[in-house]
Amino acid sequence: MTDHYLVLGVSPDASDKDVKSAFRKKAKAGHPDVEGGDASRMRELLDAYRVLSDPQLRREYDRGRLRIIRDGSSEGFDYRAWLKERLGDPEYVAKLVFYDLLHNLEDEALELYETIRHRSDGRLERFFERPEAMDAEFCIAEEYAARGRFRDAFDVMAKLIRMEQRLSGFGYFYDVVLARFRKLTLEELGRTLEPEDEISLLEEASSLRSSAVNDAQFLRRAAELHLRLGRRNEAALCVSRAQALRPRLPGLKALVSRILSVGA
């Protein structure tokens, strides 16, 4: 059995606050989007935190009775089976989404998440602390992106950014979230979208006001697409808005020259 206390670097008598603090610190340093981060290590941290932050699971773990059944045997407490018996209640659907994310059952987690994704009574933050719920949906967004479902990933990320703006949940991890949103919007969405649709999402992304750096780059990309479609005025407007946010953003001067050459 994995030593969850060792994974988080806390003692067995650590308080809930200490467990949470240790997890957040290690999660930031070990996230895959951070240089030197490790995806398997991140899952190990999430697994440890999920057990130690849940009073019932922690008691079972401390007594040595919580064993995850992977070989089909009937021995021990099969928490996943217990949750699956209760899927008529959105709370247990949400808990199973968490569980499956932590145990390499991402396809199952996405399938379950989609059953509650648009339900007001199925919001993850109803059943977990806000930071943990937001972290889980960030993982959901990454799973969507890994499957080429970039629009779904975008929608989840946009939701999380709005949540963070209303009340902080990511804290210092928000910089990683913004960087991932920037990569998704600038590099990945265009793989599956026509220019018109991509421009629409770039405008939506910039309207979120996630950060000046992000918004300026979204507007620069929109200007490039407008020029490709022969829309000089629209491109000029996007460049002007980008310049107001980040006057020295690389690529803006070249865009201005291209706009002027089109108008010549």
Protein backbone atom coordinates (compact mmCIF):
# COMPACT_ATOMS: atom_id res chain seq x y z
CA MET A 1 0.00 0.00 0.00
CA THR A 2 1.35 3.43 -0.96
CA ASP A 3 2.43 5.60 1.97
CA HIS A 4 0.27 8.64 1.30
CA TYR A 5 1.80 10.53 4.20
CA LEU A 6 5.27 10.04 2.74
CA VAL A 7 4.06 11.15 -0.70
CA LEU A 8 2.80 14.44 0.73
CA GLY A 9 5.63 14.78 3.22
CA VAL A 10 3.42 15.09 6.30
CA SER A 11 3.20 13.13 9.55
CA PRO A 12 0.28 10.77 10.30
CA ASP A 13 -1.07 13.27 12.83
CA ALA A 14 -1.03 16.16 10.34
CA SER A 15 -4.05 18.44 10.44
CA ASP A 16 -6.38 18.90 7.47
CA LYS A 17 -4.80 22.32 6.94
CA ASP A 18 -1.30 20.80 6.88
CA VAL A 19 -2.39 18.13 4.39
CA LYS A 20 -3.93 20.73 2.10
CA SER A 21 -0.91 23.04 2.32
CA ALA A 22 1.53 20.23 1.56
CA PHE A 23 -0.49 19.08 -1.42
CA ARG A 24 -0.81 22.54 -2.97
CA LYS A 25 2.92 23.18 -2.58
CA LYS A 26 3.96 19.86 -4.13
CA ALA A 27 1.28 20.02 -6.85
CA LYS A 28 2.59 23.35 -8.10
CA ALA A 29 6.19 22.10 -8.27
CA GLY A 30 5.29 18.76 -9.82
CA HIS A 31 2.60 19.70 -12.35
CA PRO A 32 3.34 18.42 -15.90
CA ASP A 33 3.09 21.94 -17.35
CA VAL A 34 5.91 23.13 -15.07
CA GLU A 35 9.47 22.48 -16.20
CA GLY A 36 10.63 19.27 -14.58
CA GLY A 37 7.05 18.24 -13.74
CA ASP A 38 5.97 14.62 -13.88
CA ALA A 39 2.45 13.41 -14.77
CA SER A 40 2.74 10.14 -12.83
CA ARG A 41 4.02 12.01 -9.79
CA MET A 42 1.10 14.41 -10.05
CA ARG A 43 -1.37 11.56 -10.02
CA GLU A 44 0.38 10.06 -7.00
CA LEU A 45 0.01 13.38 -5.19
CA LEU A 46 -3.66 13.67 -6.14
CA ASP A 47 -4.31 10.13 -4.98
CA ALA A 48 -2.66 10.75 -1.63
CA TYR A 49 -4.49 14.01 -1.14
CA ARG A 50 -7.86 12.58 -2.08
CA VAL A 51 -7.55 9.89 0.59
CA LEU A 52 -6.09 12.04 3.36
CA SER A 53 -8.50 14.94 2.81
CA ASP A 54 -11.59 12.75 3.08
CA PRO A 55 -12.26 11.94 6.78
CA GLN A 56 -13.90 8.59 6.07
CA LEU A 57 -11.26 7.44 3.61
CA ARG A 58 -8.47 8.61 5.89
CA ARG A 59 -9.87 6.62 8.82
CA GLU A 60 -10.11 3.51 6.68
CA TYR A 61 -6.61 4.08 5.34
CA ASP A 62 -5.15 4.60 8.80
CA ARG A 63 -6.70 1.35 9.98
CA GLY A 64 -5.12 -0.45 7.04
CA ARG A 65 -8.47 -1.56 5.65
CA LEU A 66 -8.73 0.60 2.53
CA ARG A 67 -7.41 -1.49 -0.33
CA ILE A 68 -8.10 -0.77 -3.99
CA ILE A 69 -9.14 -3.95 -5.77
CA ARG A 70 -7.42 -4.23 -9.13
CA ASP A 71 -7.24 -8.02 -9.56
CA GLY A 72 -10.96 -8.80 -9.36
CA SER A 73 -10.76 -10.46 -5.95
CA SER A 74 -13.53 -9.97 -3.41
CA GLU A 75 -11.17 -9.09 -0.58
CA GLY A 76 -11.26 -5.62 0.97
CA PHE A 77 -13.45 -2.59 0.46
CA ASP A 78 -14.12 -1.78 -3.20
CA TYR A 79 -14.80 1.95 -2.97
CA ARG A 80 -15.46 2.28 -6.69
CA ALA A 81 -18.13 -0.42 -6.65
CA TRP A 82 -19.68 1.25 -3.63
CA LEU A 83 -19.90 4.54 -5.53
CA LYS A 84 -21.26 2.92 -8.68
CA GLU A 85 -24.19 1.57 -6.70
CA ARG A 86 -25.20 5.16 -5.93
CA LEU A 87 -25.01 6.88 -9.32
CA GLY A 88 -28.59 8.08 -9.08
CA ASP A 89 -27.27 10.83 -6.83
CA PRO A 90 -25.08 13.54 -8.46
CA GLU A 91 -22.89 13.62 -5.35
CA TYR A 92 -21.69 10.07 -5.93
CA VAL A 93 -21.26 10.69 -9.64
CA ALA A 94 -18.96 13.59 -8.75
CA LYS A 95 -17.03 11.44 -6.28
CA LEU A 96 -16.63 8.70 -8.85
CA VAL A 97 -15.33 11.26 -11.36
CA PHE A 98 -12.64 12.16 -8.83
CA TYR A 99 -11.88 8.54 -8.09
CA ASP A 100 -11.55 7.54 -11.74
CA LEU A 101 -9.28 10.49 -12.50
CA LEU A 102 -6.97 9.33 -9.76
CA HIS A 103 -6.87 5.71 -10.85
CA ASN A 104 -6.06 5.93 -14.56
CA LEU A 105 -9.68 5.57 -15.62
CA GLU A 106 -9.83 8.82 -17.56
CA ASP A 107 -12.30 7.64 -20.21
CA GLU A 108 -14.72 6.55 -17.50
CA ALA A 109 -14.21 9.85 -15.66
CA LEU A 110 -15.03 11.87 -18.80
CA GLU A 111 -18.12 9.80 -19.52
CA LEU A 112 -19.40 10.36 -16.00
CA TYR A 113 -18.45 14.03 -15.99
CA GLU A 114 -20.51 14.63 -19.10
CA THR A 115 -23.63 13.33 -17.34
CA ILE A 116 -23.40 16.11 -14.74
CA ARG A 117 -21.39 18.74 -16.61
CA HIS A 118 -24.34 21.01 -17.39
CA ARG A 119 -26.44 20.21 -14.34
CA SER A 120 -26.67 22.82 -11.60
CA ASP A 121 -27.02 20.04 -9.01
CA GLY A 122 -23.96 18.25 -10.39
CA ARG A 123 -21.35 20.99 -10.00
CA LEU A 124 -18.22 19.51 -8.45
CA GLU A 125 -17.83 22.48 -6.13
CA ARG A 126 -21.08 21.46 -4.40
CA PHE A 127 -19.44 18.32 -3.04
CA PHE A 128 -15.78 19.25 -2.60
CA GLU A 129 -13.83 22.25 -1.44
CA ARG A 130 -13.65 24.85 -4.19
CA PRO A 131 -9.89 24.48 -4.91
CA GLU A 132 -10.11 20.70 -5.16
CA ALA A 133 -13.17 20.86 -7.43
CA MET A 134 -11.40 23.34 -9.71
CA ASP A 135 -8.25 21.21 -9.79
CA ALA A 136 -10.34 18.21 -10.85
CA GLU A 137 -12.00 20.13 -13.68
CA PHE A 138 -8.62 21.37 -14.81
CA CYS A 139 -7.60 17.71 -15.12
CA ILE A 140 -10.82 17.07 -17.05
CA ALA A 141 -9.91 19.86 -19.48
CA GLU A 142 -6.49 18.33 -20.02
CA GLU A 143 -8.05 14.94 -20.69
CA TYR A 144 -10.34 16.50 -23.30
CA ALA A 145 -7.35 18.15 -24.95
CA ALA A 146 -5.38 14.89 -24.93
CA ARG A 147 -8.20 13.34 -26.96
CA GLY A 148 -8.30 16.19 -29.48
CA ARG A 149 -11.55 17.51 -28.04
CA PHE A 150 -10.18 21.02 -27.90
CA ARG A 151 -13.53 22.84 -27.90
CA ASP A 152 -14.67 20.86 -24.86
CA ALA A 153 -11.36 21.62 -23.17
CA PHE A 154 -11.80 25.31 -24.00
CA ASP A 155 -15.30 25.43 -22.50
CA VAL A 156 -14.16 23.84 -19.24
CA MET A 157 -11.12 26.12 -19.00
CA ALA A 158 -13.25 29.21 -19.69
CA LYS A 159 -15.61 28.15 -16.90
CA LEU A 160 -12.67 27.74 -14.50
CA ILE A 161 -11.28 31.17 -15.35
CA ARG A 162 -14.65 32.76 -14.61
CA MET A 163 -14.78 30.87 -11.31
CA GLU A 164 -11.30 32.04 -10.35
CA GLN A 165 -12.21 35.64 -11.13
CA ARG A 166 -15.24 35.43 -8.85
CA LEU A 167 -13.39 33.78 -5.98
CA SER A 168 -9.86 32.42 -5.98
CA GLY A 169 -9.55 28.66 -5.94
CA PHE A 170 -6.32 28.02 -7.82
CA GLY A 171 -4.21 30.52 -5.92
CA TYR A 172 -0.59 30.46 -7.07
CA PHE A 173 -1.44 27.56 -9.41
CA TYR A 174 -3.44 29.99 -11.55
CA ASP A 175 -0.32 30.95 -13.53
CA VAL A 176 -0.10 27.35 -14.75
CA VAL A 177 -3.80 27.42 -15.64
CA LEU A 178 -3.37 30.62 -17.66
CA ALA A 179 -0.37 29.22 -19.51
CA ARG A 180 -2.30 26.06 -20.38
CA PHE A 181 -5.30 28.10 -21.55
CA ARG A 182 -3.00 30.19 -23.74
CA LYS A 183 -1.48 27.09 -25.35
CA LEU A 184 -4.90 25.53 -25.91
CA THR A 185 -6.32 28.66 -27.50
CA LEU A 186 -3.35 29.63 -29.65
CA GLU A 187 -1.90 26.27 -30.67
CA GLU A 188 -4.54 23.59 -30.40
CA LEU A 189 -7.97 25.00 -31.25
CA GLY A 190 -6.90 25.92 -34.77
CA ARG A 191 -6.19 22.28 -35.59
CA THR A 192 -9.90 21.47 -35.78
CA LEU A 193 -11.57 24.81 -36.52
CA GLU A 194 -12.21 26.86 -39.63
CA PRO A 195 -10.80 30.44 -39.44
CA GLU A 196 -14.23 31.97 -38.77
CA ASP A 197 -14.87 29.66 -35.82
CA GLU A 198 -11.36 30.16 -34.50
CA ILE A 199 -11.79 33.95 -34.59
CA SER A 200 -15.03 33.61 -32.66
CA LEU A 201 -13.35 31.61 -29.90
CA LEU A 202 -10.36 33.97 -29.82
CA GLU A 203 -12.78 36.83 -29.21
CA GLU A 204 -14.48 34.82 -26.48
CA ALA A 205 -11.10 34.04 -24.94
CA SER A 206 -10.05 37.69 -24.92
CA SER A 207 -13.40 38.71 -23.43
CA LEU A 208 -12.58 36.62 -20.36
CA ARG A 209 -9.82 39.10 -19.46
CA SER A 210 -7.73 36.22 -18.13
CA SER A 211 -4.54 38.29 -18.36
CA ALA A 212 -3.14 41.12 -20.47
CA VAL A 213 -0.49 38.80 -21.89
CA ASN A 214 -3.06 36.23 -22.93
CA ASP A 215 -5.49 38.77 -24.36
CA ALA A 216 -2.83 40.50 -26.45
CA GLN A 217 -1.74 37.19 -27.97
CA PHE A 218 -5.33 36.14 -28.66
CA LEU A 219 -5.92 39.45 -30.46
CA ARG A 220 -2.70 39.10 -32.44
CA ARG A 221 -3.79 35.66 -33.62
CA ALA A 222 -7.25 36.99 -34.53
CA ALA A 223 -5.61 39.78 -36.57
CA GLU A 224 -3.57 37.21 -38.49
CA LEU A 225 -6.72 35.26 -39.33
CA HIS A 226 -8.60 38.38 -40.39
CA LEU A 227 -5.76 39.26 -42.74
CA ARG A 228 -5.83 35.75 -44.17
CA LEU A 229 -9.52 36.33 -44.94
CA GLY A 230 -8.80 39.74 -46.49
CA ARG A 231 -10.32 41.78 -43.68
CA ARG A 232 -7.91 44.63 -43.30
CA ASN A 233 -10.07 46.81 -41.02
CA GLU A 234 -10.87 44.00 -38.60
CA ALA A 235 -7.21 43.03 -38.48
CA ALA A 236 -6.20 46.63 -37.76
CA LEU A 237 -8.69 46.84 -34.90
CA CYS A 238 -7.37 43.66 -33.31
CA VAL A 239 -3.79 44.91 -33.60
CA SER A 240 -4.77 48.23 -32.02
CA ARG A 241 -6.38 46.45 -29.09
CA ALA A 242 -3.35 44.18 -28.69
CA GLN A 243 -0.99 47.17 -28.74
CA ALA A 244 -2.98 48.84 -25.96
CA LEU A 245 -2.37 45.77 -23.80
CA ARG A 246 1.19 44.90 -24.79
CA PRO A 247 2.81 47.53 -27.06
CA ARG A 248 6.00 45.49 -27.50
CA LEU A 249 4.36 42.13 -28.13
CA PRO A 250 6.45 40.30 -30.74
CA GLY A 251 4.83 40.17 -34.15
CA LEU A 252 2.73 43.31 -33.89
CA LYS A 253 5.05 45.49 -35.95
CA ALA A 254 5.12 42.92 -38.72
CA LEU A 255 1.34 42.77 -38.68
CA VAL A 256 1.08 46.54 -38.95
CA SER A 257 3.36 46.44 -42.01
CA ARG A 258 1.23 43.73 -43.61
CA ILE A 259 -1.96 45.70 -42.93
CA LEU A 260 -0.48 48.83 -44.47
CA SER A 261 0.71 46.90 -47.52
CA VAL A 262 -2.79 45.52 -48.05
CA GLY A 263 -4.18 49.04 -47.96
CA ALA A 264 -1.58 50.46 -50.31
